[in-house]
Amino acid sequence: MRLSTVIAILVIIGAAAAGYVFWQERQSEAALKGFAVANGRIEVERVAVATKYAGRVAEILVDEGDLVKKGDVVARMDTAELQAELAEAKAGQRQAEQGIDQAQAEIGIRKADLVLAEIELTRASTLQQKNAGPVAEVDRRRAQRDVAVAALKGSQAALEDSKAAALAAEARVARLQTVIADMELKAPTDGRIEYRLVKAGEVLAAGGQVATLLDLADVHMVVFFPTAVAGRVGIGSQARIVLDAAPEFVVPAKVSFVAAEAQFTPKFVETKTERDKLTYRIKVAIDHDLLVKYRDYVKAGLTGNAYLQVEDSAIWPDFLTVNLPPPSNAGGGTSSVTEGGSTP
C-alpha cells in the first residue's frame, strides 16, 4: 500500500474520530440543558477535641478512623492533683458544716442566758419597786441582760458566717468536680476520628487539641458558579454528585448554601467558561440519613462534579439517575471509595 494511501486513511479515521467526539459533546450539552455543572471537592466539617484546662494527657482511647458517638470519651487528662484538691475541699466543706452546728449550739446557749437575764432583771425590778432591793442590783441585772442580747447577736452573726463558709466550700467542691469531669474529653458530635494529635504523657496548654473529628452529618461539595447560574439556584435546589474516584455512582444532593457575594474564582476550579473572574460559592449537601447509611464511604477531599438543576422543568438525563453502592453495613463485596481510587 502506498504511503499516500495510508496517510489518506489515517486522515479519514482522524476526521471520523473528531466528528464522533464533537457529536458526543453536542449530545451531552443537549442532555444537560437546564442543568449546570462544575467541579469541586468533598468537604467534611472538622471538629477539634481539645482540653479546656492545661494538664498532662493520661490516656487516648481512640485510634484514627474510629467511629464515635456524641459523648464518647476520646481521651482523659491526668487528675491526680485535682483529686487531692477535691479531697481538701471536701474536708473544708465538712469543717464548715461543723461550724454551722457549733454556731447553732452557741445560739441555743445565748438564748438561755438571755432568758435567765430577763428573769433576774424582772425579779430585781419588782423587789426595788417594793423597796426590798437596792437600785444598783437592778442596774447590774439590766447590764447582764444587755450583755446576753449582744452575745446572742454575735452568735447569730457567727452562724451566718459559718453558712457563708459552707456555701463557699460547697462551691469549691462543685467547681473541682466540674473541672475533673471536663478532664474527660468527649466527642462533641457523632463522627470519625481523623487525626490523633498527641500521645499519652504529653503536656498540653489550655485549649490544646488531642484529636480532630470529622462530622459525618455535615458533608458537602463546594462548587463555584457564575452569576448566570447562581442567580437561578435556590436553597433546596436538586443536585447530583459524581465523584472522580467512583464515576459509576450518582449521589443525590441539594443546594444548602449560596454565597451572598461573588468572589474571585479559586485557581483549582474550572467552570464551563474555563476561568470566570467572579463566581459564587455554593454548597451542595448530601442528606443526613444517606450519610448515616453510607458513612464508611465518606472521605474528605474527594474530587468530582456537581450537577445543579437550574430549571424546574428540566428532566435528569439517564446518566445522572441516582445510583448508589451497597450500604456500608451490607458487608461482603462492597467497594470502599478512597482518595486514591476504589479499594476492593
C-alpha atoms as a PDB file:
ATOM      1  CA  MET A   1       0.000   0.000   0.000  1.00  0.00           C
ATOM      2  CA  ARG A   2       1.364   3.347  -0.927  1.00  0.00           C
ATOM      3  CA  LEU A   3       2.305   5.871   1.739  1.00  0.00           C
ATOM      4  CA  SER A   4      -0.146   8.414   0.337  1.00  0.00           C
ATOM      5  CA  THR A   5      -2.970   5.902   0.662  1.00  0.00           C
ATOM      6  CA  VAL A   6      -2.056   5.166   4.293  1.00  0.00           C
ATOM      7  CA  ILE A   7      -1.960   8.869   5.090  1.00  0.00           C
ATOM      8  CA  ALA A   8      -5.345   9.352   3.443  1.00  0.00           C
ATOM      9  CA  ILE A   9      -6.847   6.528   5.515  1.00  0.00           C
ATOM     10  CA  LEU A  10      -5.396   7.964   8.734  1.00  0.00           C
ATOM     11  CA  VAL A  11      -6.792  11.384   7.875  1.00  0.00           C
ATOM     12  CA  ILE A  12     -10.244   9.884   7.302  1.00  0.00           C
ATOM     13  CA  ILE A  13     -10.083   7.962  10.598  1.00  0.00           C
ATOM     14  CA  GLY A  14      -8.957  11.082  12.441  1.00  0.00           C
ATOM     15  CA  ALA A  15     -11.733  13.141  10.937  1.00  0.00           C
ATOM     16  CA  ALA A  16     -14.286  10.472  11.852  1.00  0.00           C
ATOM     17  CA  ALA A  17     -12.999  10.329  15.433  1.00  0.00           C
ATOM     18  CA  ALA A  18     -13.095  14.102  15.748  1.00  0.00           C
ATOM     19  CA  GLY A  19     -16.597  14.104  14.352  1.00  0.00           C
ATOM     20  CA  TYR A  20     -17.688  11.446  16.878  1.00  0.00           C
ATOM     21  CA  VAL A  21     -16.209  13.407  19.776  1.00  0.00           C
ATOM     22  CA  PHE A  22     -17.942  16.577  18.544  1.00  0.00           C
ATOM     23  CA  TRP A  23     -21.226  14.645  18.242  1.00  0.00           C
ATOM     24  CA  GLN A  24     -20.847  13.279  21.779  1.00  0.00           C
ATOM     25  CA  GLU A  25     -20.193  16.753  23.140  1.00  0.00           C
ATOM     26  CA  ARG A  26     -23.270  18.126  21.395  1.00  0.00           C
ATOM     27  CA  GLN A  27     -25.323  15.203  22.742  1.00  0.00           C
ATOM     28  CA  SER A  28     -24.020  15.852  26.271  1.00  0.00           C
ATOM     29  CA  GLU A  29     -24.782  19.561  26.021  1.00  0.00           C
ATOM     30  CA  ALA A  30     -28.294  18.780  24.828  1.00  0.00           C
ATOM     31  CA  ALA A  31     -28.852  16.311  27.668  1.00  0.00           C
ATOM     32  CA  LEU A  32     -27.694  18.881  30.238  1.00  0.00           C
ATOM     33  CA  LYS A  33     -29.963  21.652  29.047  1.00  0.00           C
ATOM     34  CA  GLY A  34     -31.479  23.165  32.179  1.00  0.00           C
ATOM     35  CA  PHE A  35     -28.576  21.963  34.308  1.00  0.00           C
ATOM     36  CA  ALA A  36     -25.217  23.416  35.333  1.00  0.00           C
ATOM     37  CA  VAL A  37     -22.053  21.508  36.145  1.00  0.00           C
ATOM     38  CA  ALA A  38     -18.837  22.425  37.943  1.00  0.00           C
ATOM     39  CA  ASN A  39     -16.001  20.564  39.553  1.00  0.00           C
ATOM     40  CA  GLY A  40     -15.382  20.616  43.301  1.00  0.00           C
ATOM     41  CA  ARG A  41     -14.262  18.529  46.212  1.00  0.00           C
ATOM     42  CA  ILE A  42     -15.986  16.824  49.101  1.00  0.00           C
ATOM     43  CA  GLU A  43     -15.621  18.687  52.359  1.00  0.00           C
ATOM     44  CA  VAL A  44     -16.431  17.334  55.815  1.00  0.00           C
ATOM     45  CA  GLU A  45     -16.734  19.655  58.788  1.00  0.00           C
ATOM     46  CA  ARG A  46     -13.867  19.119  61.208  1.00  0.00           C
ATOM     47  CA  VAL A  47     -14.371  19.426  64.949  1.00  0.00           C
ATOM     48  CA  ALA A  48     -11.479  19.772  67.365  1.00  0.00           C
ATOM     49  CA  VAL A  49     -11.468  17.686  70.539  1.00  0.00           C
ATOM     50  CA  ALA A  50      -9.479  19.872  72.918  1.00  0.00           C
ATOM     51  CA  THR A  51      -8.772  20.231  76.619  1.00  0.00           C
ATOM     52  CA  LYS A  52     -10.316  23.154  78.456  1.00  0.00           C
ATOM     53  CA  TYR A  53      -7.570  23.173  81.073  1.00  0.00           C
ATOM     54  CA  ALA A  54      -3.823  22.713  80.939  1.00  0.00           C
ATOM     55  CA  GLY A  55      -2.551  19.322  82.026  1.00  0.00           C
ATOM     56  CA  ARG A  56      -0.928  16.011  81.149  1.00  0.00           C
ATOM     57  CA  VAL A  57      -2.631  13.525  78.828  1.00  0.00           C
ATOM     58  CA  ALA A  58      -3.270  10.350  80.815  1.00  0.00           C
ATOM     59  CA  GLU A  59      -4.651   8.161  78.015  1.00  0.00           C
ATOM     60  CA  ILE A  60      -6.026   8.270  74.489  1.00  0.00           C
ATOM     61  CA  LEU A  61      -8.972   5.928  73.969  1.00  0.00           C
ATOM     62  CA  VAL A  62      -9.431   6.141  70.186  1.00  0.00           C
ATOM     63  CA  ASP A  63      -7.480   5.442  67.027  1.00  0.00           C
ATOM     64  CA  GLU A  64      -7.575   7.261  63.727  1.00  0.00           C
ATOM     65  CA  GLY A  65     -10.566   6.094  61.703  1.00  0.00           C
ATOM     66  CA  ASP A  66     -12.652   5.062  64.711  1.00  0.00           C
ATOM     67  CA  LEU A  67     -16.344   5.941  64.626  1.00  0.00           C
ATOM     68  CA  VAL A  68     -17.535   7.639  67.807  1.00  0.00           C
ATOM     69  CA  LYS A  69     -20.869   8.821  69.104  1.00  0.00           C
ATOM     70  CA  LYS A  70     -21.597  12.126  70.770  1.00  0.00           C
ATOM     71  CA  GLY A  71     -20.485  11.911  74.393  1.00  0.00           C
ATOM     72  CA  ASP A  72     -17.997   9.067  73.911  1.00  0.00           C
ATOM     73  CA  VAL A  73     -14.765   9.594  75.858  1.00  0.00           C
ATOM     74  CA  VAL A  74     -11.917  10.312  73.441  1.00  0.00           C
ATOM     75  CA  ALA A  75      -9.142  10.983  75.965  1.00  0.00           C
ATOM     76  CA  ARG A  76      -8.524  11.542  79.667  1.00  0.00           C
ATOM     77  CA  MET A  77      -6.267  14.096  81.281  1.00  0.00           C
ATOM     78  CA  ASP A  78      -4.331  13.415  84.488  1.00  0.00           C
ATOM     79  CA  THR A  79      -6.409  14.454  87.531  1.00  0.00           C
ATOM     80  CA  ALA A  80      -4.194  13.345  90.456  1.00  0.00           C
ATOM     81  CA  GLU A  81      -3.538  16.914  91.629  1.00  0.00           C
ATOM     82  CA  LEU A  82      -7.176  17.879  91.152  1.00  0.00           C
ATOM     83  CA  GLN A  83      -8.315  14.837  93.131  1.00  0.00           C
ATOM     84  CA  ALA A  84      -6.085  15.947  96.028  1.00  0.00           C
ATOM     85  CA  GLU A  85      -7.548  19.455  95.868  1.00  0.00           C
ATOM     86  CA  LEU A  86     -11.033  17.954  95.814  1.00  0.00           C
ATOM     87  CA  ALA A  87     -10.315  15.886  98.930  1.00  0.00           C
ATOM     88  CA  GLU A  88      -9.044  19.030 100.654  1.00  0.00           C
ATOM     89  CA  ALA A  89     -12.118  20.982  99.555  1.00  0.00           C
ATOM     90  CA  LYS A  90     -14.450  18.279 100.846  1.00  0.00           C
ATOM     91  CA  ALA A  91     -12.663  18.355 104.207  1.00  0.00           C
ATOM     92  CA  GLY A  92     -13.118  22.129 104.287  1.00  0.00           C
ATOM     93  CA  GLN A  93     -16.795  21.657 103.476  1.00  0.00           C
ATOM     94  CA  ARG A  94     -17.227  19.241 106.388  1.00  0.00           C
ATOM     95  CA  GLN A  95     -15.418  21.656 108.680  1.00  0.00           C
ATOM     96  CA  ALA A  96     -17.720  24.496 107.565  1.00  0.00           C
ATOM     97  CA  GLU A  97     -20.780  22.322 108.208  1.00  0.00           C
ATOM     98  CA  GLN A  98     -19.477  21.561 111.712  1.00  0.00           C
ATOM     99  CA  GLY A  99     -19.048  25.300 112.229  1.00  0.00           C
ATOM    100  CA  ILE A 100     -22.749  25.710 111.474  1.00  0.00           C
ATOM    101  CA  ASP A 101     -23.630  23.100 114.094  1.00  0.00           C
ATOM    102  CA  GLN A 102     -21.385  24.793 116.652  1.00  0.00           C
ATOM    103  CA  ALA A 103     -22.858  28.208 115.875  1.00  0.00           C
ATOM    104  CA  GLN A 104     -26.390  26.858 116.240  1.00  0.00           C
ATOM    105  CA  ALA A 105     -25.474  25.290 119.619  1.00  0.00           C
ATOM    106  CA  GLU A 106     -23.915  28.576 120.740  1.00  0.00           C
ATOM    107  CA  ILE A 107     -27.113  30.402 119.793  1.00  0.00           C
ATOM    108  CA  GLY A 108     -29.088  27.994 121.987  1.00  0.00           C
ATOM    109  CA  ILE A 109     -26.805  28.751 124.944  1.00  0.00           C
ATOM    110  CA  ARG A 110     -27.011  32.502 124.383  1.00  0.00           C
ATOM    111  CA  LYS A 111     -30.797  32.366 124.179  1.00  0.00           C
ATOM    112  CA  ALA A 112     -30.912  30.518 127.505  1.00  0.00           C
ATOM    113  CA  ASP A 113     -28.580  33.123 129.059  1.00  0.00           C
ATOM    114  CA  LEU A 114     -30.837  35.877 127.760  1.00  0.00           C
ATOM    115  CA  VAL A 115     -33.955  34.253 129.201  1.00  0.00           C
ATOM    116  CA  LEU A 116     -32.221  33.916 132.592  1.00  0.00           C
ATOM    117  CA  ALA A 117     -31.023  37.528 132.449  1.00  0.00           C
ATOM    118  CA  GLU A 118     -34.546  38.744 131.648  1.00  0.00           C
ATOM    119  CA  ILE A 119     -35.960  36.783 134.628  1.00  0.00           C
ATOM    120  CA  GLU A 120     -33.351  38.113 137.033  1.00  0.00           C
ATOM    121  CA  LEU A 121     -33.887  41.668 135.800  1.00  0.00           C
ATOM    122  CA  THR A 122     -37.635  41.331 136.295  1.00  0.00           C
ATOM    123  CA  ARG A 123     -37.169  39.971 139.835  1.00  0.00           C
ATOM    124  CA  ALA A 124     -34.719  42.728 140.760  1.00  0.00           C
ATOM    125  CA  SER A 125     -37.070  45.403 139.393  1.00  0.00           C
ATOM    126  CA  THR A 126     -40.005  44.001 141.359  1.00  0.00           C
ATOM    127  CA  LEU A 127     -38.008  43.990 144.615  1.00  0.00           C
ATOM    128  CA  GLN A 128     -36.768  47.515 144.043  1.00  0.00           C
ATOM    129  CA  GLN A 129     -40.327  48.768 143.437  1.00  0.00           C
ATOM    130  CA  LYS A 130     -41.293  47.272 146.861  1.00  0.00           C
ATOM    131  CA  ASN A 131     -38.240  48.858 148.413  1.00  0.00           C
ATOM    132  CA  ALA A 132     -36.952  45.370 149.159  1.00  0.00           C
ATOM    133  CA  GLY A 133     -33.888  45.610 146.934  1.00  0.00           C
ATOM    134  CA  PRO A 134     -31.274  48.192 146.003  1.00  0.00           C
ATOM    135  CA  VAL A 135     -31.353  50.170 142.728  1.00  0.00           C
ATOM    136  CA  ALA A 136     -27.811  49.053 141.982  1.00  0.00           C
ATOM    137  CA  GLU A 137     -28.967  45.451 141.732  1.00  0.00           C
ATOM    138  CA  VAL A 138     -31.467  46.443 139.062  1.00  0.00           C
ATOM    139  CA  ASP A 139     -28.755  48.221 137.100  1.00  0.00           C
ATOM    140  CA  ARG A 140     -26.456  45.193 137.377  1.00  0.00           C
ATOM    141  CA  ARG A 141     -29.175  42.813 136.156  1.00  0.00           C
ATOM    142  CA  ARG A 142     -30.021  45.147 133.259  1.00  0.00           C
ATOM    143  CA  ALA A 143     -26.387  45.218 132.203  1.00  0.00           C
ATOM    144  CA  GLN A 144     -26.272  41.418 132.308  1.00  0.00           C
ATOM    145  CA  ARG A 145     -29.392  41.310 130.119  1.00  0.00           C
ATOM    146  CA  ASP A 146     -27.787  43.683 127.604  1.00  0.00           C
ATOM    147  CA  VAL A 147     -24.647  41.543 127.510  1.00  0.00           C
ATOM    148  CA  ALA A 148     -26.779  38.447 126.852  1.00  0.00           C
ATOM    149  CA  VAL A 149     -28.555  40.236 123.962  1.00  0.00           C
ATOM    150  CA  ALA A 150     -25.213  41.239 122.425  1.00  0.00           C
ATOM    151  CA  ALA A 151     -23.841  37.713 122.862  1.00  0.00           C
ATOM    152  CA  LEU A 152     -26.901  36.266 121.105  1.00  0.00           C
ATOM    153  CA  LYS A 153     -26.485  38.672 118.199  1.00  0.00           C
ATOM    154  CA  GLY A 154     -22.815  37.723 117.980  1.00  0.00           C
ATOM    155  CA  SER A 155     -23.700  34.034 117.864  1.00  0.00           C
ATOM    156  CA  GLN A 156     -26.284  34.669 115.153  1.00  0.00           C
ATOM    157  CA  ALA A 157     -23.673  36.574 113.122  1.00  0.00           C
ATOM    158  CA  ALA A 158     -21.234  33.678 113.607  1.00  0.00           C
ATOM    159  CA  LEU A 159     -23.916  31.316 112.282  1.00  0.00           C
ATOM    160  CA  GLU A 160     -24.283  33.417 109.128  1.00  0.00           C
ATOM    161  CA  ASP A 161     -20.508  33.415 108.680  1.00  0.00           C
ATOM    162  CA  SER A 162     -20.459  29.626 109.050  1.00  0.00           C
ATOM    163  CA  LYS A 163     -23.236  29.264 106.485  1.00  0.00           C
ATOM    164  CA  ALA A 164     -21.346  31.510 104.054  1.00  0.00           C
ATOM    165  CA  ALA A 165     -18.176  29.469 104.595  1.00  0.00           C
ATOM    166  CA  ALA A 166     -20.127  26.269 103.965  1.00  0.00           C
ATOM    167  CA  LEU A 167     -21.556  27.665 100.730  1.00  0.00           C
ATOM    168  CA  ALA A 168     -18.075  28.720  99.598  1.00  0.00           C
ATOM    169  CA  ALA A 169     -16.707  25.262 100.405  1.00  0.00           C
ATOM    170  CA  GLU A 170     -19.604  23.628  98.574  1.00  0.00           C
ATOM    171  CA  ALA A 171     -18.980  25.854  95.557  1.00  0.00           C
ATOM    172  CA  ARG A 172     -15.290  24.955  95.546  1.00  0.00           C
ATOM    173  CA  VAL A 173     -16.133  21.243  95.671  1.00  0.00           C
ATOM    174  CA  ALA A 174     -18.612  21.665  92.809  1.00  0.00           C
ATOM    175  CA  ARG A 175     -16.057  23.627  90.753  1.00  0.00           C
ATOM    176  CA  LEU A 176     -13.359  20.995  91.224  1.00  0.00           C
ATOM    177  CA  GLN A 177     -15.814  18.231  90.357  1.00  0.00           C
ATOM    178  CA  THR A 178     -16.702  20.120  87.171  1.00  0.00           C
ATOM    179  CA  VAL A 179     -13.039  20.577  86.283  1.00  0.00           C
ATOM    180  CA  ILE A 180     -12.361  16.875  86.866  1.00  0.00           C
ATOM    181  CA  ALA A 181     -15.360  15.973  84.696  1.00  0.00           C
ATOM    182  CA  ASP A 182     -14.012  18.277  81.969  1.00  0.00           C
ATOM    183  CA  MET A 183     -10.747  16.352  82.086  1.00  0.00           C
ATOM    184  CA  GLU A 184     -12.617  13.575  80.302  1.00  0.00           C
ATOM    185  CA  LEU A 185     -12.503  14.808  76.718  1.00  0.00           C
ATOM    186  CA  LYS A 186     -15.668  13.698  74.954  1.00  0.00           C
ATOM    187  CA  ALA A 187     -16.761  13.707  71.326  1.00  0.00           C
ATOM    188  CA  PRO A 188     -18.945  16.786  70.738  1.00  0.00           C
ATOM    189  CA  THR A 189     -20.824  15.047  67.924  1.00  0.00           C
ATOM    190  CA  ASP A 190     -21.097  11.760  66.068  1.00  0.00           C
ATOM    191  CA  GLY A 191     -18.250  11.265  63.618  1.00  0.00           C
ATOM    192  CA  ARG A 192     -14.980   9.625  62.686  1.00  0.00           C
ATOM    193  CA  ILE A 193     -11.618  10.317  64.287  1.00  0.00           C
ATOM    194  CA  GLU A 194      -9.446  11.918  61.619  1.00  0.00           C
ATOM    195  CA  TYR A 195      -6.146  12.525  63.423  1.00  0.00           C
ATOM    196  CA  ARG A 196      -4.694  11.711  66.830  1.00  0.00           C
ATOM    197  CA  LEU A 197      -2.539  14.728  67.576  1.00  0.00           C
ATOM    198  CA  VAL A 198      -0.865  13.745  70.860  1.00  0.00           C
ATOM    199  CA  LYS A 199       0.311  10.734  72.796  1.00  0.00           C
ATOM    200  CA  ALA A 200      -0.253   9.778  76.418  1.00  0.00           C
ATOM    201  CA  GLY A 201       2.136  11.622  78.699  1.00  0.00           C
ATOM    202  CA  GLU A 202       2.317  14.832  76.703  1.00  0.00           C
ATOM    203  CA  VAL A 203       1.544  18.102  78.482  1.00  0.00           C
ATOM    204  CA  LEU A 204      -0.949  20.447  76.850  1.00  0.00           C
ATOM    205  CA  ALA A 205      -1.801  24.063  77.430  1.00  0.00           C
ATOM    206  CA  ALA A 206      -5.399  25.119  77.875  1.00  0.00           C
ATOM    207  CA  GLY A 207      -7.166  24.647  74.540  1.00  0.00           C
ATOM    208  CA  GLY A 208      -4.655  22.061  73.327  1.00  0.00           C
ATOM    209  CA  GLN A 209      -6.097  19.629  70.787  1.00  0.00           C
ATOM    210  CA  VAL A 210      -5.857  15.873  71.257  1.00  0.00           C
ATOM    211  CA  ALA A 211      -7.728  14.816  68.109  1.00  0.00           C
ATOM    212  CA  THR A 212      -9.771  16.047  65.183  1.00  0.00           C
ATOM    213  CA  LEU A 213     -13.184  14.622  64.400  1.00  0.00           C
ATOM    214  CA  LEU A 214     -14.973  14.505  61.060  1.00  0.00           C
ATOM    215  CA  ASP A 215     -18.638  15.370  61.487  1.00  0.00           C
ATOM    216  CA  LEU A 216     -20.258  12.834  59.163  1.00  0.00           C
ATOM    217  CA  ALA A 217     -23.591  14.630  59.480  1.00  0.00           C
ATOM    218  CA  ASP A 218     -22.251  17.638  57.570  1.00  0.00           C
ATOM    219  CA  VAL A 219     -20.774  16.508  54.261  1.00  0.00           C
ATOM    220  CA  HIS A 220     -20.966  18.680  51.173  1.00  0.00           C
ATOM    221  CA  MET A 221     -19.239  19.562  47.922  1.00  0.00           C
ATOM    222  CA  VAL A 222     -18.184  23.147  47.393  1.00  0.00           C
ATOM    223  CA  VAL A 223     -18.536  24.434  43.828  1.00  0.00           C
ATOM    224  CA  PHE A 224     -18.330  27.836  42.181  1.00  0.00           C
ATOM    225  CA  PHE A 225     -20.742  29.160  39.567  1.00  0.00           C
ATOM    226  CA  PRO A 226     -21.033  32.476  37.753  1.00  0.00           C
ATOM    227  CA  THR A 227     -23.948  34.857  38.236  1.00  0.00           C
ATOM    228  CA  ALA A 228     -25.934  33.313  35.368  1.00  0.00           C
ATOM    229  CA  VAL A 229     -26.168  30.053  37.312  1.00  0.00           C
ATOM    230  CA  ALA A 230     -26.060  31.244  40.935  1.00  0.00           C
ATOM    231  CA  GLY A 231     -28.948  33.609  40.297  1.00  0.00           C
ATOM    232  CA  ARG A 232     -31.181  30.722  39.197  1.00  0.00           C
ATOM    233  CA  VAL A 233     -30.331  28.370  42.058  1.00  0.00           C
ATOM    234  CA  GLY A 234     -32.109  28.450  45.407  1.00  0.00           C
ATOM    235  CA  ILE A 235     -31.643  26.724  48.744  1.00  0.00           C
ATOM    236  CA  GLY A 236     -33.035  23.233  48.343  1.00  0.00           C
ATOM    237  CA  SER A 237     -32.474  23.012  44.568  1.00  0.00           C
ATOM    238  CA  GLN A 238     -31.894  19.438  43.396  1.00  0.00           C
ATOM    239  CA  ALA A 239     -28.358  18.332  42.581  1.00  0.00           C
ATOM    240  CA  ARG A 240     -26.284  15.280  41.784  1.00  0.00           C
ATOM    241  CA  ILE A 241     -22.689  14.490  42.744  1.00  0.00           C
ATOM    242  CA  VAL A 242     -20.416  12.228  40.680  1.00  0.00           C
ATOM    243  CA  LEU A 243     -17.000  11.522  42.178  1.00  0.00           C
ATOM    244  CA  ASP A 244     -13.896  11.015  40.052  1.00  0.00           C
ATOM    245  CA  ALA A 245     -12.921   8.046  42.225  1.00  0.00           C
ATOM    246  CA  ALA A 246     -16.232   6.254  41.558  1.00  0.00           C
ATOM    247  CA  PRO A 247     -17.848   7.673  38.394  1.00  0.00           C
ATOM    248  CA  GLU A 248     -20.294   4.780  38.205  1.00  0.00           C
ATOM    249  CA  PHE A 249     -22.199   6.125  41.230  1.00  0.00           C
ATOM    250  CA  VAL A 250     -24.537   9.126  41.228  1.00  0.00           C
ATOM    251  CA  VAL A 251     -25.274  10.636  44.631  1.00  0.00           C
ATOM    252  CA  PRO A 252     -28.414  12.743  45.192  1.00  0.00           C
ATOM    253  CA  ALA A 253     -27.894  16.070  46.959  1.00  0.00           C
ATOM    254  CA  LYS A 254     -29.409  19.504  47.491  1.00  0.00           C
ATOM    255  CA  VAL A 255     -28.114  23.056  47.493  1.00  0.00           C
ATOM    256  CA  SER A 256     -27.675  24.068  51.142  1.00  0.00           C
ATOM    257  CA  PHE A 257     -25.856  27.384  50.770  1.00  0.00           C
ATOM    258  CA  VAL A 258     -25.385  30.125  48.188  1.00  0.00           C
ATOM    259  CA  ALA A 259     -22.937  32.920  48.973  1.00  0.00           C
ATOM    260  CA  ALA A 260     -24.381  36.411  49.164  1.00  0.00           C
ATOM    261  CA  GLU A 261     -21.371  37.942  47.429  1.00  0.00           C
ATOM    262  CA  ALA A 262     -19.237  36.934  44.463  1.00  0.00           C
ATOM    263  CA  GLN A 263     -15.550  36.177  44.824  1.00  0.00           C
ATOM    264  CA  PHE A 264     -12.615  35.606  42.537  1.00  0.00           C
ATOM    265  CA  THR A 265     -12.628  32.069  41.196  1.00  0.00           C
ATOM    266  CA  PRO A 266     -10.124  29.841  43.068  1.00  0.00           C
ATOM    267  CA  LYS A 267      -7.222  28.617  40.923  1.00  0.00           C
ATOM    268  CA  PHE A 268      -8.151  24.949  41.207  1.00  0.00           C
ATOM    269  CA  VAL A 269     -11.698  25.492  39.887  1.00  0.00           C
ATOM    270  CA  GLU A 270     -12.606  25.109  36.240  1.00  0.00           C
ATOM    271  CA  THR A 271     -16.016  26.262  35.072  1.00  0.00           C
ATOM    272  CA  LYS A 272     -17.764  25.834  31.753  1.00  0.00           C
ATOM    273  CA  THR A 273     -16.282  29.108  30.554  1.00  0.00           C
ATOM    274  CA  GLU A 274     -12.875  27.898  31.807  1.00  0.00           C
ATOM    275  CA  ARG A 275     -11.993  30.844  34.066  1.00  0.00           C
ATOM    276  CA  ASP A 276     -14.832  33.133  35.094  1.00  0.00           C
ATOM    277  CA  LYS A 277     -13.349  36.008  37.049  1.00  0.00           C
ATOM    278  CA  LEU A 278     -16.111  36.225  39.633  1.00  0.00           C
ATOM    279  CA  THR A 279     -18.192  33.325  40.886  1.00  0.00           C
ATOM    280  CA  TYR A 280     -20.487  32.487  43.790  1.00  0.00           C
ATOM    281  CA  ARG A 281     -19.578  29.817  46.322  1.00  0.00           C
ATOM    282  CA  ILE A 282     -22.285  27.154  46.569  1.00  0.00           C
ATOM    283  CA  LYS A 283     -22.546  24.174  48.910  1.00  0.00           C
ATOM    284  CA  VAL A 284     -24.182  21.005  47.657  1.00  0.00           C
ATOM    285  CA  ALA A 285     -25.051  18.916  50.723  1.00  0.00           C
ATOM    286  CA  ILE A 286     -25.790  15.209  50.990  1.00  0.00           C
ATOM    287  CA  ASP A 287     -28.809  14.162  53.049  1.00  0.00           C
ATOM    288  CA  HIS A 288     -28.046  13.212  56.667  1.00  0.00           C
ATOM    289  CA  ASP A 289     -29.931   9.887  56.558  1.00  0.00           C
ATOM    290  CA  LEU A 290     -27.995   8.932  53.431  1.00  0.00           C
ATOM    291  CA  LEU A 291     -24.722   9.806  55.143  1.00  0.00           C
ATOM    292  CA  VAL A 292     -25.593   7.581  58.082  1.00  0.00           C
ATOM    293  CA  LYS A 293     -26.352   4.721  55.721  1.00  0.00           C
ATOM    294  CA  TYR A 294     -23.128   5.168  53.735  1.00  0.00           C
ATOM    295  CA  ARG A 295     -20.870   6.571  56.426  1.00  0.00           C
ATOM    296  CA  ASP A 296     -17.993   4.187  55.574  1.00  0.00           C
ATOM    297  CA  TYR A 297     -17.791   5.771  52.112  1.00  0.00           C
ATOM    298  CA  VAL A 298     -17.446   9.333  53.381  1.00  0.00           C
ATOM    299  CA  LYS A 299     -13.958  10.696  52.675  1.00  0.00           C
ATOM    300  CA  ALA A 300     -12.829  14.302  52.769  1.00  0.00           C
ATOM    301  CA  GLY A 301     -11.013  15.732  49.743  1.00  0.00           C
ATOM    302  CA  LEU A 302     -12.558  13.557  47.017  1.00  0.00           C
ATOM    303  CA  THR A 303     -12.890  15.469  43.736  1.00  0.00           C
ATOM    304  CA  GLY A 304     -15.767  15.236  41.313  1.00  0.00           C
ATOM    305  CA  ASN A 305     -18.547  17.122  39.569  1.00  0.00           C
ATOM    306  CA  ALA A 306     -21.715  18.621  40.941  1.00  0.00           C
ATOM    307  CA  TYR A 307     -24.721  18.930  38.636  1.00  0.00           C
ATOM    308  CA  LEU A 308     -27.348  21.526  39.588  1.00  0.00           C
ATOM    309  CA  GLN A 309     -30.888  21.698  38.304  1.00  0.00           C
ATOM    310  CA  VAL A 310     -31.364  25.345  37.287  1.00  0.00           C
ATOM    311  CA  GLU A 311     -34.695  24.837  35.542  1.00  0.00           C
ATOM    312  CA  ASP A 312     -37.547  23.169  37.419  1.00  0.00           C
ATOM    313  CA  SER A 313     -38.852  21.622  34.227  1.00  0.00           C
ATOM    314  CA  ALA A 314     -35.521  20.028  33.328  1.00  0.00           C
ATOM    315  CA  ILE A 315     -35.527  16.220  33.448  1.00  0.00           C
ATOM    316  CA  TRP A 316     -32.450  14.464  34.762  1.00  0.00           C
ATOM    317  CA  PRO A 317     -30.676  12.563  31.953  1.00  0.00           C
ATOM    318  CA  ASP A 318     -30.211   8.823  32.252  1.00  0.00           C
ATOM    319  CA  PHE A 319     -26.515   9.042  33.112  1.00  0.00           C
ATOM    320  CA  LEU A 320     -27.425  11.143  36.174  1.00  0.00           C
ATOM    321  CA  THR A 321     -30.037   8.740  37.505  1.00  0.00           C
ATOM    322  CA  VAL A 322     -29.362   8.107  41.184  1.00  0.00           C
ATOM    323  CA  ASN A 323     -27.115   5.072  41.514  1.00  0.00           C
ATOM    324  CA  LEU A 324     -25.687   4.195  44.919  1.00  0.00           C
ATOM    325  CA  PRO A 325     -23.338   1.444  46.108  1.00  0.00           C
ATOM    326  CA  PRO A 326     -24.487  -1.169  48.609  1.00  0.00           C
ATOM    327  CA  PRO A 327     -24.942   0.326  52.104  1.00  0.00           C
ATOM    328  CA  SER A 328     -21.932   0.492  54.400  1.00  0.00           C
ATOM    329  CA  ASN A 329     -23.333  -2.174  56.707  1.00  0.00           C
ATOM    330  CA  ALA A 330     -24.320  -4.550  53.903  1.00  0.00           C
ATOM    331  CA  GLY A 331     -20.939  -6.268  54.051  1.00  0.00           C
ATOM    332  CA  GLY A 332     -19.399  -8.645  51.527  1.00  0.00           C
ATOM    333  CA  GLY A 333     -18.389  -7.468  48.094  1.00  0.00           C
ATOM    334  CA  THR A 334     -18.743  -3.711  48.662  1.00  0.00           C
ATOM    335  CA  SER A 335     -16.033  -1.376  47.494  1.00  0.00           C
ATOM    336  CA  SER A 336     -14.925   1.496  49.700  1.00  0.00           C
ATOM    337  CA  VAL A 337     -14.064   4.720  47.937  1.00  0.00           C
ATOM    338  CA  THR A 338     -10.780   6.282  48.998  1.00  0.00           C
ATOM    339  CA  GLU A 339      -8.863   9.357  47.898  1.00  0.00           C
ATOM    340  CA  GLY A 340      -6.652   7.331  45.624  1.00  0.00           C
ATOM    341  CA  GLY A 341      -9.478   5.485  43.928  1.00  0.00           C
ATOM    342  CA  SER A 342     -11.593   2.383  44.607  1.00  0.00           C
ATOM    343  CA  THR A 343     -10.246  -0.135  47.024  1.00  0.00           C
ATOM    344  CA  PRO A 344     -11.793  -3.612  46.968  1.00  0.00           C
END
